[in-house]
Amino acid sequence: MAVVRMNITIPEKIAKKFRKEFSPGERSAAITEAVELVLAKKTKTKLIEDLIADYKMRASEPTDETEEWDQTIADGLDDED
């Protein structure tokens, strides 16, 4: 896996806690995991927003087609008597 060295800036208070919690050998993995979690959350949030927007758009569409299909639900059932 290719890696990229990055220079980031974070608040000093968080940096102190981070250095205390993680050894130098653990820090890159911890940051990678944190970034992956944030990206997954953003992706999930975007997906939910898209689904809500699509649902609202579909909910405002005419229901003529649905009504046509509803009429076919019982097709052929009365013929069994």
PDB file of N, CA and C in Angstrom:
ATOM      1  N   MET A   1       0.854  -1.176   0.000  1.00  0.00           N
ATOM      2  CA  MET A   1       0.000   0.000   0.000  1.00  0.00           C
ATOM      3  C   MET A   1       0.900   1.239   0.000  1.00  0.00           C
ATOM      4  N   ALA A   2       0.601   2.144  -0.874  1.00  0.00           N
ATOM      5  CA  ALA A   2       1.343   3.400  -0.931  1.00  0.00           C
ATOM      6  C   ALA A   2       0.915   4.296   0.230  1.00  0.00           C
ATOM      7  N   VAL A   3       1.847   5.021   0.759  1.00  0.00           N
ATOM      8  CA  VAL A   3       1.546   5.945   1.856  1.00  0.00           C
ATOM      9  C   VAL A   3       1.974   7.350   1.458  1.00  0.00           C
ATOM     10  N   VAL A   4       1.352   8.321   2.103  1.00  0.00           N
ATOM     11  CA  VAL A   4       1.646   9.730   1.853  1.00  0.00           C
ATOM     12  C   VAL A   4       1.911  10.397   3.195  1.00  0.00           C
ATOM     13  N   ARG A   5       2.959  11.126   3.277  1.00  0.00           N
ATOM     14  CA  ARG A   5       3.261  11.871   4.496  1.00  0.00           C
ATOM     15  C   ARG A   5       2.460  13.175   4.456  1.00  0.00           C
ATOM     16  N   MET A   6       1.796  13.482   5.568  1.00  0.00           N
ATOM     17  CA  MET A   6       0.980  14.698   5.628  1.00  0.00           C
ATOM     18  C   MET A   6       1.374  15.520   6.838  1.00  0.00           C
ATOM     19  N   ASN A   7       1.259  16.799   6.697  1.00  0.00           N
ATOM     20  CA  ASN A   7       1.479  17.714   7.799  1.00  0.00           C
ATOM     21  C   ASN A   7       0.118  18.305   8.149  1.00  0.00           C
ATOM     22  N   ILE A   8      -0.368  18.035   9.354  1.00  0.00           N
ATOM     23  CA  ILE A   8      -1.686  18.533   9.748  1.00  0.00           C
ATOM     24  C   ILE A   8      -1.556  19.448  10.954  1.00  0.00           C
ATOM     25  N   THR A   9      -2.568  20.232  11.183  1.00  0.00           N
ATOM     26  CA  THR A   9      -2.604  21.125  12.329  1.00  0.00           C
ATOM     27  C   THR A   9      -3.842  20.795  13.154  1.00  0.00           C
ATOM     28  N   ILE A  10      -3.625  20.548  14.445  1.00  0.00           N
ATOM     29  CA  ILE A  10      -4.736  20.267  15.362  1.00  0.00           C
ATOM     30  C   ILE A  10      -4.546  21.107  16.621  1.00  0.00           C
ATOM     31  N   PRO A  11      -5.614  21.330  17.364  1.00  0.00           N
ATOM     32  CA  PRO A  11      -5.486  22.109  18.596  1.00  0.00           C
ATOM     33  C   PRO A  11      -4.487  21.464  19.571  1.00  0.00           C
ATOM     34  N   GLU A  12      -3.741  22.293  20.279  1.00  0.00           N
ATOM     35  CA  GLU A  12      -2.697  21.821  21.191  1.00  0.00           C
ATOM     36  C   GLU A  12      -3.261  20.882  22.260  1.00  0.00           C
ATOM     37  N   LYS A  13      -4.421  21.192  22.775  1.00  0.00           N
ATOM     38  CA  LYS A  13      -5.034  20.368  23.818  1.00  0.00           C
ATOM     39  C   LYS A  13      -5.259  18.932  23.312  1.00  0.00           C
ATOM     40  N   ILE A  14      -5.733  18.804  22.082  1.00  0.00           N
ATOM     41  CA  ILE A  14      -5.967  17.485  21.502  1.00  0.00           C
ATOM     42  C   ILE A  14      -4.629  16.798  21.213  1.00  0.00           C
ATOM     43  N   ALA A  15      -3.653  17.546  20.737  1.00  0.00           N
ATOM     44  CA  ALA A  15      -2.334  16.980  20.439  1.00  0.00           C
ATOM     45  C   ALA A  15      -1.701  16.395  21.704  1.00  0.00           C
ATOM     46  N   LYS A  16      -1.826  17.083  22.813  1.00  0.00           N
ATOM     47  CA  LYS A  16      -1.259  16.582  24.075  1.00  0.00           C
ATOM     48  C   LYS A  16      -1.934  15.271  24.485  1.00  0.00           C
ATOM     49  N   LYS A  17      -3.255  15.229  24.396  1.00  0.00           N
ATOM     50  CA  LYS A  17      -3.982  14.002  24.739  1.00  0.00           C
ATOM     51  C   LYS A  17      -3.591  12.869  23.798  1.00  0.00           C
ATOM     52  N   PHE A  18      -3.454  13.205  22.526  1.00  0.00           N
ATOM     53  CA  PHE A  18      -3.107  12.213  21.513  1.00  0.00           C
ATOM     54  C   PHE A  18      -1.725  11.630  21.788  1.00  0.00           C
ATOM     55  N   ARG A  19      -0.748  12.490  22.046  1.00  0.00           N
ATOM     56  CA  ARG A  19       0.616  12.017  22.320  1.00  0.00           C
ATOM     57  C   ARG A  19       0.673  11.168  23.586  1.00  0.00           C
ATOM     58  N   LYS A  20      -0.136  11.528  24.572  1.00  0.00           N
ATOM     59  CA  LYS A  20      -0.171  10.777  25.828  1.00  0.00           C
ATOM     60  C   LYS A  20      -0.790   9.386  25.606  1.00  0.00           C
ATOM     61  N   GLU A  21      -1.801   9.314  24.774  1.00  0.00           N
ATOM     62  CA  GLU A  21      -2.545   8.069  24.555  1.00  0.00           C
ATOM     63  C   GLU A  21      -1.848   7.109  23.588  1.00  0.00           C
ATOM     64  N   PHE A  22      -1.172   7.631  22.573  1.00  0.00           N
ATOM     65  CA  PHE A  22      -0.591   6.797  21.524  1.00  0.00           C
ATOM     66  C   PHE A  22       0.920   6.960  21.459  1.00  0.00           C
ATOM     67  N   SER A  23       1.610   5.843  21.345  1.00  0.00           N
ATOM     68  CA  SER A  23       3.066   5.878  21.165  1.00  0.00           C
ATOM     69  C   SER A  23       3.353   6.322  19.731  1.00  0.00           C
ATOM     70  N   PRO A  24       4.585   6.769  19.460  1.00  0.00           N
ATOM     71  CA  PRO A  24       4.905   7.201  18.098  1.00  0.00           C
ATOM     72  C   PRO A  24       4.598   6.131  17.039  1.00  0.00           C
ATOM     73  N   GLY A  25       4.764   4.872  17.356  1.00  0.00           N
ATOM     74  CA  GLY A  25       4.485   3.815  16.398  1.00  0.00           C
ATOM     75  C   GLY A  25       3.006   3.551  16.163  1.00  0.00           C
ATOM     76  N   GLU A  26       2.156   4.057  17.045  1.00  0.00           N
ATOM     77  CA  GLU A  26       0.697   3.843  16.938  1.00  0.00           C
ATOM     78  C   GLU A  26      -0.042   5.020  16.310  1.00  0.00           C
ATOM     79  N   ARG A  27       0.612   6.127  16.218  1.00  0.00           N
ATOM     80  CA  ARG A  27      -0.077   7.371  15.842  1.00  0.00           C
ATOM     81  C   ARG A  27      -0.616   7.360  14.418  1.00  0.00           C
ATOM     82  N   SER A  28       0.145   6.911  13.466  1.00  0.00           N
ATOM     83  CA  SER A  28      -0.332   6.905  12.076  1.00  0.00           C
ATOM     84  C   SER A  28      -1.554   6.009  11.919  1.00  0.00           C
ATOM     85  N   ALA A  29      -1.516   4.844  12.553  1.00  0.00           N
ATOM     86  CA  ALA A  29      -2.656   3.924  12.473  1.00  0.00           C
ATOM     87  C   ALA A  29      -3.891   4.536  13.134  1.00  0.00           C
ATOM     88  N   ALA A  30      -3.705   5.219  14.257  1.00  0.00           N
ATOM     89  CA  ALA A  30      -4.831   5.850  14.947  1.00  0.00           C
ATOM     90  C   ALA A  30      -5.446   6.957  14.100  1.00  0.00           C
ATOM     91  N   ILE A  31      -4.595   7.768  13.494  1.00  0.00           N
ATOM     92  CA  ILE A  31      -5.097   8.852  12.645  1.00  0.00           C
ATOM     93  C   ILE A  31      -5.801   8.272  11.424  1.00  0.00           C
ATOM     94  N   THR A  32      -5.227   7.240  10.831  1.00  0.00           N
ATOM     95  CA  THR A  32      -5.842   6.595   9.663  1.00  0.00           C
ATOM     96  C   THR A  32      -7.226   6.067  10.022  1.00  0.00           C
ATOM     97  N   GLU A  33      -7.332   5.391  11.169  1.00  0.00           N
ATOM     98  CA  GLU A  33      -8.631   4.853  11.596  1.00  0.00           C
ATOM     99  C   GLU A  33      -9.638   5.979  11.837  1.00  0.00           C
ATOM    100  N   ALA A  34      -9.190   7.056  12.463  1.00  0.00           N
ATOM    101  CA  ALA A  34     -10.089   8.182  12.732  1.00  0.00           C
ATOM    102  C   ALA A  34     -10.587   8.810  11.431  1.00  0.00           C
ATOM    103  N   VAL A  35      -9.686   8.978  10.471  1.00  0.00           N
ATOM    104  CA  VAL A  35     -10.074   9.560   9.180  1.00  0.00           C
ATOM    105  C   VAL A  35     -11.047   8.640   8.460  1.00  0.00           C
ATOM    106  N   GLU A  36     -10.781   7.333   8.489  1.00  0.00           N
ATOM    107  CA  GLU A  36     -11.691   6.374   7.855  1.00  0.00           C
ATOM    108  C   GLU A  36     -13.086   6.447   8.471  1.00  0.00           C
ATOM    109  N   LEU A  37     -13.163   6.565   9.796  1.00  0.00           N
ATOM    110  CA  LEU A  37     -14.467   6.670  10.468  1.00  0.00           C
ATOM    111  C   LEU A  37     -15.213   7.937  10.062  1.00  0.00           C
ATOM    112  N   VAL A  38     -14.498   9.047   9.985  1.00  0.00           N
ATOM    113  CA  VAL A  38     -15.130  10.311   9.594  1.00  0.00           C
ATOM    114  C   VAL A  38     -15.608  10.234   8.144  1.00  0.00           C
ATOM    115  N   LEU A  39     -14.789   9.660   7.272  1.00  0.00           N
ATOM    116  CA  LEU A  39     -15.191   9.531   5.862  1.00  0.00           C
ATOM    117  C   LEU A  39     -16.401   8.612   5.718  1.00  0.00           C
ATOM    118  N   ALA A  40     -16.438   7.513   6.465  1.00  0.00           N
ATOM    119  CA  ALA A  40     -17.587   6.599   6.410  1.00  0.00           C
ATOM    120  C   ALA A  40     -18.844   7.307   6.897  1.00  0.00           C
ATOM    121  N   LYS A  41     -18.709   8.104   7.946  1.00  0.00           N
ATOM    122  CA  LYS A  41     -19.853   8.850   8.474  1.00  0.00           C
ATOM    123  C   LYS A  41     -20.368   9.856   7.444  1.00  0.00           C
ATOM    124  N   LYS A  42     -19.443  10.555   6.785  1.00  0.00           N
ATOM    125  CA  LYS A  42     -19.842  11.524   5.758  1.00  0.00           C
ATOM    126  C   LYS A  42     -20.539  10.827   4.594  1.00  0.00           C
ATOM    127  N   THR A  43     -20.008   9.673   4.196  1.00  0.00           N
ATOM    128  CA  THR A  43     -20.609   8.907   3.103  1.00  0.00           C
ATOM    129  C   THR A  43     -22.016   8.465   3.481  1.00  0.00           C
ATOM    130  N   LYS A  44     -22.173   7.973   4.704  1.00  0.00           N
ATOM    131  CA  LYS A  44     -23.483   7.526   5.176  1.00  0.00           C
ATOM    132  C   LYS A  44     -24.461   8.698   5.245  1.00  0.00           C
ATOM    133  N   THR A  45     -23.999   9.821   5.752  1.00  0.00           N
ATOM    134  CA  THR A  45     -24.847  11.009   5.843  1.00  0.00           C
ATOM    135  C   THR A  45     -25.296  11.457   4.454  1.00  0.00           C
ATOM    136  N   LYS A  46     -24.368  11.457   3.499  1.00  0.00           N
ATOM    137  CA  LYS A  46     -24.704  11.847   2.123  1.00  0.00           C
ATOM    138  C   LYS A  46     -25.713  10.879   1.519  1.00  0.00           C
ATOM    139  N   LEU A  47     -25.535   9.585   1.759  1.00  0.00           N
ATOM    140  CA  LEU A  47     -26.468   8.585   1.253  1.00  0.00           C
ATOM    141  C   LEU A  47     -27.858   8.805   1.830  1.00  0.00           C
ATOM    142  N   ILE A  48     -27.939   9.045   3.119  1.00  0.00           N
ATOM    143  CA  ILE A  48     -29.236   9.290   3.759  1.00  0.00           C
ATOM    144  C   ILE A  48     -29.886  10.549   3.197  1.00  0.00           C
ATOM    145  N   GLU A  49     -29.100  11.605   3.015  1.00  0.00           N
ATOM    146  CA  GLU A  49     -29.637  12.843   2.436  1.00  0.00           C
ATOM    147  C   GLU A  49     -30.169  12.600   1.027  1.00  0.00           C
ATOM    148  N   ASP A  50     -29.424  11.831   0.230  1.00  0.00           N
ATOM    149  CA  ASP A  50     -29.858  11.518  -1.131  1.00  0.00           C
ATOM    150  C   ASP A  50     -31.147  10.695  -1.123  1.00  0.00           C
ATOM    151  N   LEU A  51     -31.213   9.716  -0.227  1.00  0.00           N
ATOM    152  CA  LEU A  51     -32.419   8.890  -0.143  1.00  0.00           C
ATOM    153  C   LEU A  51     -33.637   9.716   0.265  1.00  0.00           C
ATOM    154  N   ILE A  52     -33.458  10.615   1.219  1.00  0.00           N
ATOM    155  CA  ILE A  52     -34.559  11.479   1.657  1.00  0.00           C
ATOM    156  C   ILE A  52     -35.015  12.374   0.503  1.00  0.00           C
ATOM    157  N   ALA A  53     -34.061  12.952  -0.210  1.00  0.00           N
ATOM    158  CA  ALA A  53     -34.403  13.826  -1.342  1.00  0.00           C
ATOM    159  C   ALA A  53     -35.146  13.035  -2.417  1.00  0.00           C
ATOM    160  N   ASP A  54     -34.668  11.827  -2.720  1.00  0.00           N
ATOM    161  CA  ASP A  54     -35.339  10.999  -3.725  1.00  0.00           C
ATOM    162  C   ASP A  54     -36.737  10.602  -3.264  1.00  0.00           C
ATOM    163  N   TYR A  55     -36.872  10.263  -1.994  1.00  0.00           N
ATOM    164  CA  TYR A  55     -38.179   9.893  -1.471  1.00  0.00           C
ATOM    165  C   TYR A  55     -39.150  11.067  -1.579  1.00  0.00           C
ATOM    166  N   LYS A  56     -38.692  12.247  -1.206  1.00  0.00           N
ATOM    167  CA  LYS A  56     -39.563  13.424  -1.293  1.00  0.00           C
ATOM    168  C   LYS A  56     -39.972  13.699  -2.735  1.00  0.00           C
ATOM    169  N   MET A  57     -39.034  13.531  -3.663  1.00  0.00           N
ATOM    170  CA  MET A  57     -39.341  13.750  -5.066  1.00  0.00           C
ATOM    171  C   MET A  57     -40.374  12.730  -5.544  1.00  0.00           C
ATOM    172  N   ARG A  58     -40.173  11.456  -5.172  1.00  0.00           N
ATOM    173  CA  ARG A  58     -41.105  10.402  -5.604  1.00  0.00           C
ATOM    174  C   ARG A  58     -42.465  10.560  -4.931  1.00  0.00           C
ATOM    175  N   ALA A  59     -42.479  11.036  -3.701  1.00  0.00           N
ATOM    176  CA  ALA A  59     -43.738  11.193  -2.977  1.00  0.00           C
ATOM    177  C   ALA A  59     -44.602  12.273  -3.613  1.00  0.00           C
ATOM    178  N   SER A  60     -43.977  13.221  -4.279  1.00  0.00           N
ATOM    179  CA  SER A  60     -44.739  14.303  -4.895  1.00  0.00           C
ATOM    180  C   SER A  60     -45.197  13.971  -6.316  1.00  0.00           C
ATOM    181  N   GLU A  61     -44.755  12.818  -6.836  1.00  0.00           N
ATOM    182  CA  GLU A  61     -45.146  12.422  -8.187  1.00  0.00           C
ATOM    183  C   GLU A  61     -46.589  11.902  -8.184  1.00  0.00           C
ATOM    184  N   PRO A  62     -47.257  12.033  -9.302  1.00  0.00           N
ATOM    185  CA  PRO A  62     -48.621  11.518  -9.395  1.00  0.00           C
ATOM    186  C   PRO A  62     -48.654  10.009  -9.137  1.00  0.00           C
ATOM    187  N   THR A  63     -49.762   9.535  -8.576  1.00  0.00           N
ATOM    188  CA  THR A  63     -49.878   8.122  -8.229  1.00  0.00           C
ATOM    189  C   THR A  63     -50.718   7.351  -9.228  1.00  0.00           C
ATOM    190  N   ASP A  64     -50.932   7.895 -10.418  1.00  0.00           N
ATOM    191  CA  ASP A  64     -51.753   7.218 -11.418  1.00  0.00           C
ATOM    192  C   ASP A  64     -51.248   5.806 -11.703  1.00  0.00           C
ATOM    193  N   GLU A  65     -49.949   5.651 -11.846  1.00  0.00           N
ATOM    194  CA  GLU A  65     -49.386   4.337 -12.146  1.00  0.00           C
ATOM    195  C   GLU A  65     -49.640   3.359 -11.003  1.00  0.00           C
ATOM    196  N   THR A  66     -49.494   3.817  -9.789  1.00  0.00           N
ATOM    197  CA  THR A  66     -49.745   2.961  -8.628  1.00  0.00           C
ATOM    198  C   THR A  66     -51.196   2.518  -8.605  1.00  0.00           C
ATOM    199  N   GLU A  67     -52.094   3.423  -8.896  1.00  0.00           N
ATOM    200  CA  GLU A  67     -53.513   3.076  -8.915  1.00  0.00           C
ATOM    201  C   GLU A  67     -53.807   2.034  -9.995  1.00  0.00           C
ATOM    202  N   GLU A  68     -53.148   2.137 -11.145  1.00  0.00           N
ATOM    203  CA  GLU A  68     -53.334   1.142 -12.206  1.00  0.00           C
ATOM    204  C   GLU A  68     -52.870  -0.232 -11.740  1.00  0.00           C
ATOM    205  N   TRP A  69     -51.735  -0.291 -11.073  1.00  0.00           N
ATOM    206  CA  TRP A  69     -51.231  -1.574 -10.589  1.00  0.00           C
ATOM    207  C   TRP A  69     -52.129  -2.121  -9.481  1.00  0.00           C
ATOM    208  N   ASP A  70     -52.664  -1.256  -8.627  1.00  0.00           N
ATOM    209  CA  ASP A  70     -53.561  -1.704  -7.561  1.00  0.00           C
ATOM    210  C   ASP A  70     -54.783  -2.421  -8.136  1.00  0.00           C
ATOM    211  N   GLN A  71     -55.240  -2.001  -9.283  1.00  0.00           N
ATOM    212  CA  GLN A  71     -56.409  -2.630  -9.906  1.00  0.00           C
ATOM    213  C   GLN A  71     -56.099  -4.042 -10.383  1.00  0.00           C
ATOM    214  N   THR A  72     -54.846  -4.340 -10.634  1.00  0.00           N
ATOM    215  CA  THR A  72     -54.480  -5.668 -11.139  1.00  0.00           C
ATOM    216  C   THR A  72     -54.184  -6.664 -10.032  1.00  0.00           C
ATOM    217  N   ILE A  73     -54.157  -6.230  -8.798  1.00  0.00           N
ATOM    218  CA  ILE A  73     -53.798  -7.126  -7.678  1.00  0.00           C
ATOM    219  C   ILE A  73     -54.719  -8.352  -7.630  1.00  0.00           C
ATOM    220  N   ALA A  74     -55.998  -8.162  -7.808  1.00  0.00           N
ATOM    221  CA  ALA A  74     -56.929  -9.262  -7.690  1.00  0.00           C
ATOM    222  C   ALA A  74     -57.240  -9.922  -9.029  1.00  0.00           C
ATOM    223  N   ASP A  75     -56.570  -9.545 -10.087  1.00  0.00           N
ATOM    224  CA  ASP A  75     -56.839 -10.131 -11.412  1.00  0.00           C
ATOM    225  C   ASP A  75     -56.729 -11.659 -11.351  1.00  0.00           C
ATOM    226  N   GLY A  76     -57.781 -12.317 -11.793  1.00  0.00           N
ATOM    227  CA  GLY A  76     -57.769 -13.764 -11.885  1.00  0.00           C
ATOM    228  C   GLY A  76     -58.180 -14.475 -10.611  1.00  0.00           C
ATOM    229  N   LEU A  77     -58.282 -13.785  -9.506  1.00  0.00           N
ATOM    230  CA  LEU A  77     -58.636 -14.443  -8.261  1.00  0.00           C
ATOM    231  C   LEU A  77     -60.117 -14.823  -8.223  1.00  0.00           C
ATOM    232  N   ASP A  78     -60.960 -14.008  -8.822  1.00  0.00           N
ATOM    233  CA  ASP A  78     -62.386 -14.295  -8.820  1.00  0.00           C
ATOM    234  C   ASP A  78     -62.722 -15.466  -9.737  1.00  0.00           C
ATOM    235  N   ASP A  79     -61.856 -15.815 -10.661  1.00  0.00           N
ATOM    236  CA  ASP A  79     -62.105 -16.894 -11.621  1.00  0.00           C
ATOM    237  C   ASP A  79     -62.056 -18.270 -10.996  1.00  0.00           C
ATOM    238  N   GLU A  80     -61.543 -18.388  -9.750  1.00  0.00           N
ATOM    239  CA  GLU A  80     -61.367 -19.703  -9.123  1.00  0.00           C
ATOM    240  C   GLU A  80     -62.645 -20.247  -8.514  1.00  0.00           C
ATOM    241  N   ASP A  81     -63.687 -19.477  -8.392  1.00  0.00           N
ATOM    242  CA  ASP A  81     -64.935 -19.952  -7.765  1.00  0.00           C
ATOM    243  C   ASP A  81     -65.620 -21.014  -8.548  1.00  0.00           C
TER     244      ASP A  81
END
